[in-house]
């Protein structure tokens, strides 16, 4: 079925992106993000606010991007509900 969303700055359906990072002590962190995608042939664009993940990227300059899938929906949902920043200060 076709649905007209009007003029919007996004593509539908949006993927759920899993952003993986490590902190300065090597502790892993994972978040799910819906606002992002491919920017160019060799670049991704992520719209992230203040998260443990963004803190880690600022410190280490490194991250990975993976797609959530139907077979990983439960752990990806957990990552989207539980915040490392609120749990760890």
N, C-alpha and C. Protein backbone atom coordinates (compact mmCIF):
# COMPACT_ATOMS: atom_id res chain seq x y z
N UNK A 1 0.83 -1.17 0.00
CA UNK A 1 0.00 0.00 0.00
C UNK A 1 0.88 1.24 0.00
N UNK A 2 0.54 2.19 -0.79
CA UNK A 2 1.29 3.44 -0.88
C UNK A 2 0.75 4.44 0.13
N UNK A 3 1.67 5.16 0.79
CA UNK A 3 1.30 6.16 1.78
C UNK A 3 2.07 7.44 1.48
N UNK A 4 1.37 8.55 1.38
CA UNK A 4 2.00 9.84 1.12
C UNK A 4 2.29 10.53 2.45
N UNK A 5 3.56 10.70 2.77
CA UNK A 5 3.95 11.37 4.01
C UNK A 5 4.17 12.87 3.80
N UNK A 6 4.02 13.34 2.57
CA UNK A 6 4.32 14.75 2.29
C UNK A 6 5.82 14.94 2.17
N UNK A 7 6.25 16.18 2.18
CA UNK A 7 7.67 16.50 2.06
C UNK A 7 8.32 16.37 3.43
N UNK A 8 9.18 15.39 3.58
CA UNK A 8 9.87 15.13 4.85
C UNK A 8 11.35 14.89 4.57
N UNK A 9 12.22 15.18 5.56
CA UNK A 9 13.66 14.97 5.37
C UNK A 9 14.13 13.57 5.73
N UNK A 10 13.33 12.54 5.45
CA UNK A 10 13.71 11.18 5.79
C UNK A 10 13.16 10.20 4.78
N UNK A 11 13.71 9.00 4.84
CA UNK A 11 13.30 7.90 3.97
C UNK A 11 12.54 6.90 4.83
N UNK A 12 11.52 6.29 4.28
CA UNK A 12 10.72 5.33 5.02
C UNK A 12 10.72 4.00 4.28
N UNK A 13 10.83 2.86 4.91
CA UNK A 13 11.01 2.68 6.35
C UNK A 13 12.44 2.95 6.77
N UNK A 14 12.61 3.50 7.96
CA UNK A 14 13.94 3.79 8.46
C UNK A 14 14.54 2.55 9.11
N UNK A 15 15.81 2.30 8.86
CA UNK A 15 16.44 1.16 9.51
C UNK A 15 16.74 1.48 10.98
N UNK A 16 16.83 0.45 11.79
CA UNK A 16 17.33 0.63 13.16
C UNK A 16 18.81 0.30 13.11
N UNK A 17 19.62 1.29 13.40
CA UNK A 17 21.07 1.13 13.35
C UNK A 17 21.60 0.84 14.75
N UNK A 18 22.47 -0.12 14.85
CA UNK A 18 23.11 -0.46 16.12
C UNK A 18 24.50 0.15 16.11
N UNK A 19 24.75 1.09 17.00
CA UNK A 19 26.02 1.82 17.04
C UNK A 19 26.84 1.28 18.21
N UNK A 20 27.98 0.68 17.89
CA UNK A 20 28.85 0.09 18.90
C UNK A 20 30.07 0.96 19.15
N UNK A 21 30.42 1.12 20.43
CA UNK A 21 31.60 1.90 20.81
C UNK A 21 32.30 1.22 21.99
N UNK A 22 33.47 1.73 22.33
CA UNK A 22 34.20 1.36 23.54
C UNK A 22 34.58 2.64 24.25
N UNK A 23 34.62 2.59 25.59
CA UNK A 23 35.08 3.76 26.32
C UNK A 23 36.60 3.72 26.46
N UNK A 24 37.16 4.66 27.21
CA UNK A 24 38.61 4.76 27.34
C UNK A 24 39.23 3.56 28.05
N UNK A 25 38.40 2.79 28.77
CA UNK A 25 38.88 1.59 29.46
C UNK A 25 38.60 0.30 28.70
N UNK A 26 38.06 0.42 27.49
CA UNK A 26 37.77 -0.75 26.68
C UNK A 26 36.42 -1.39 26.96
N UNK A 27 35.58 -0.74 27.79
CA UNK A 27 34.25 -1.28 28.09
C UNK A 27 33.33 -1.02 26.90
N UNK A 28 32.70 -2.08 26.36
CA UNK A 28 31.84 -1.91 25.19
C UNK A 28 30.50 -1.25 25.54
N UNK A 29 29.93 -0.59 24.55
CA UNK A 29 28.63 0.05 24.68
C UNK A 29 27.91 -0.09 23.34
N UNK A 30 26.60 -0.26 23.39
CA UNK A 30 25.80 -0.38 22.18
C UNK A 30 24.53 0.42 22.34
N UNK A 31 24.14 1.14 21.30
CA UNK A 31 22.86 1.85 21.31
C UNK A 31 22.15 1.61 20.00
N UNK A 32 20.82 1.73 20.01
CA UNK A 32 20.13 1.70 18.73
C UNK A 32 19.73 3.11 18.36
N UNK A 33 19.80 3.41 17.09
CA UNK A 33 19.52 4.75 16.58
C UNK A 33 18.71 4.63 15.30
N UNK A 34 17.63 5.37 15.23
CA UNK A 34 16.80 5.35 14.04
C UNK A 34 17.15 6.48 13.07
N UNK A 35 17.85 7.49 13.55
CA UNK A 35 18.14 8.64 12.70
C UNK A 35 19.55 8.55 12.14
N UNK A 36 19.67 7.92 11.01
CA UNK A 36 20.96 7.79 10.36
C UNK A 36 20.82 7.02 9.07
N UNK A 37 21.89 6.96 8.32
CA UNK A 37 21.87 6.21 7.08
C UNK A 37 23.13 6.47 6.28
N UNK A 38 23.12 6.04 5.06
CA UNK A 38 24.27 6.21 4.17
C UNK A 38 24.26 7.63 3.63
N UNK A 39 25.39 8.31 3.74
CA UNK A 39 25.53 9.68 3.28
C UNK A 39 26.13 9.74 1.88
N UNK A 40 27.11 8.91 1.64
CA UNK A 40 27.79 8.84 0.35
C UNK A 40 28.28 7.40 0.19
N UNK A 41 29.01 7.14 -0.85
CA UNK A 41 29.46 5.77 -1.10
C UNK A 41 30.31 5.22 0.04
N UNK A 42 31.01 6.08 0.76
CA UNK A 42 31.90 5.62 1.83
C UNK A 42 31.68 6.35 3.15
N UNK A 43 30.47 6.90 3.36
CA UNK A 43 30.20 7.65 4.58
C UNK A 43 28.81 7.33 5.12
N UNK A 44 28.70 7.36 6.44
CA UNK A 44 27.40 7.26 7.09
C UNK A 44 27.12 8.56 7.83
N UNK A 45 25.85 8.83 8.05
CA UNK A 45 25.42 10.00 8.79
C UNK A 45 24.59 9.52 9.96
N UNK A 46 24.90 9.99 11.16
CA UNK A 46 24.16 9.62 12.36
C UNK A 46 23.73 10.90 13.07
N UNK A 47 22.48 10.97 13.47
CA UNK A 47 21.97 12.10 14.24
C UNK A 47 21.81 11.62 15.68
N UNK A 48 22.79 11.93 16.51
CA UNK A 48 22.81 11.46 17.89
C UNK A 48 22.89 12.66 18.83
N UNK A 49 22.20 12.57 19.94
CA UNK A 49 22.30 13.62 20.96
C UNK A 49 23.26 13.14 22.04
N UNK A 50 23.05 13.52 23.27
CA UNK A 50 23.95 13.20 24.36
C UNK A 50 23.68 11.79 24.89
N UNK A 51 24.60 10.88 24.60
CA UNK A 51 24.50 9.49 25.03
C UNK A 51 25.89 9.02 25.46
N UNK A 52 25.95 7.90 26.16
CA UNK A 52 27.24 7.27 26.46
C UNK A 52 27.98 6.97 25.16
N UNK A 53 27.24 6.58 24.15
CA UNK A 53 27.83 6.28 22.84
C UNK A 53 28.53 7.51 22.26
N UNK A 54 27.88 8.67 22.32
CA UNK A 54 28.51 9.88 21.78
C UNK A 54 29.71 10.29 22.62
N UNK A 55 29.63 10.09 23.94
CA UNK A 55 30.80 10.36 24.79
C UNK A 55 31.97 9.47 24.36
N UNK A 56 31.68 8.18 24.12
CA UNK A 56 32.74 7.25 23.71
C UNK A 56 33.34 7.62 22.37
N UNK A 57 32.51 8.04 21.42
CA UNK A 57 33.02 8.43 20.10
C UNK A 57 33.95 9.64 20.23
N UNK A 58 33.59 10.58 21.08
CA UNK A 58 34.44 11.76 21.30
C UNK A 58 35.78 11.38 21.89
N UNK A 59 35.79 10.39 22.78
CA UNK A 59 37.03 9.97 23.44
C UNK A 59 37.89 9.11 22.52
N UNK A 60 37.28 8.13 21.85
CA UNK A 60 38.08 7.17 21.08
C UNK A 60 38.12 7.46 19.58
N UNK A 61 37.12 8.18 19.07
CA UNK A 61 37.06 8.45 17.63
C UNK A 61 36.67 7.23 16.81
N UNK A 62 36.12 6.20 17.46
CA UNK A 62 35.81 4.97 16.75
C UNK A 62 34.41 4.49 17.07
N UNK A 63 33.77 3.85 16.07
CA UNK A 63 32.45 3.25 16.27
C UNK A 63 32.20 2.26 15.15
N UNK A 64 31.23 1.37 15.36
CA UNK A 64 30.78 0.45 14.32
C UNK A 64 29.29 0.67 14.11
N UNK A 65 28.81 0.32 12.92
CA UNK A 65 27.39 0.43 12.60
C UNK A 65 26.92 -0.92 12.06
N UNK A 66 25.85 -1.43 12.64
CA UNK A 66 25.22 -2.66 12.17
C UNK A 66 23.72 -2.42 12.08
N UNK A 67 23.03 -3.26 11.33
CA UNK A 67 21.59 -3.15 11.21
C UNK A 67 20.90 -4.12 12.14
N UNK A 68 19.86 -3.66 12.82
CA UNK A 68 19.00 -4.57 13.55
C UNK A 68 18.23 -5.40 12.53
N UNK A 69 17.96 -6.65 12.87
CA UNK A 69 17.23 -7.54 11.97
C UNK A 69 16.09 -8.21 12.73
N UNK A 70 15.26 -8.90 12.02
CA UNK A 70 14.16 -9.61 12.65
C UNK A 70 14.68 -10.61 13.68
N UNK A 71 15.79 -11.26 13.40
CA UNK A 71 16.31 -12.27 14.33
C UNK A 71 16.99 -11.66 15.55
N UNK A 72 17.31 -10.36 15.52
CA UNK A 72 17.95 -9.69 16.66
C UNK A 72 17.03 -8.66 17.32
N UNK A 73 15.73 -8.73 17.03
CA UNK A 73 14.81 -7.71 17.52
C UNK A 73 14.76 -7.63 19.05
N UNK A 74 14.82 -8.74 19.75
CA UNK A 74 14.73 -8.71 21.22
C UNK A 74 15.95 -8.02 21.84
N UNK A 75 17.19 -8.43 21.52
CA UNK A 75 18.32 -7.72 22.11
C UNK A 75 18.42 -6.27 21.63
N UNK A 76 18.05 -6.00 20.39
CA UNK A 76 18.09 -4.61 19.90
C UNK A 76 17.07 -3.75 20.62
N UNK A 77 15.91 -4.32 20.93
CA UNK A 77 14.89 -3.60 21.68
C UNK A 77 15.41 -3.29 23.09
N UNK A 78 16.06 -4.26 23.71
CA UNK A 78 16.64 -4.05 25.05
C UNK A 78 17.63 -2.89 25.03
N UNK A 79 18.49 -2.87 24.04
CA UNK A 79 19.49 -1.80 23.91
C UNK A 79 18.80 -0.44 23.74
N UNK A 80 17.63 -0.44 23.11
CA UNK A 80 16.89 0.81 22.94
C UNK A 80 16.15 1.27 24.17
N UNK A 81 15.97 0.38 25.14
CA UNK A 81 15.23 0.72 26.36
C UNK A 81 16.16 1.08 27.51
N UNK A 82 17.28 0.36 27.66
CA UNK A 82 18.18 0.54 28.77
C UNK A 82 19.28 1.52 28.39
N UNK A 83 19.49 2.54 29.21
CA UNK A 83 20.48 3.56 28.93
C UNK A 83 21.73 3.35 29.76
N UNK A 84 22.88 3.23 29.11
CA UNK A 84 24.15 3.11 29.84
C UNK A 84 24.48 4.41 30.55
N UNK A 85 24.09 5.53 29.98
CA UNK A 85 24.41 6.82 30.61
C UNK A 85 23.64 6.99 31.92
N UNK A 86 22.37 6.63 31.94
CA UNK A 86 21.61 6.79 33.17
C UNK A 86 21.98 5.73 34.21
N UNK A 87 22.42 4.55 33.74
CA UNK A 87 22.82 3.48 34.66
C UNK A 87 24.19 3.75 35.29
N UNK A 88 25.08 4.38 34.51
CA UNK A 88 26.47 4.55 34.96
C UNK A 88 26.84 5.98 35.28
N UNK A 89 25.88 6.87 35.26
CA UNK A 89 26.17 8.26 35.59
C UNK A 89 26.62 9.10 34.50
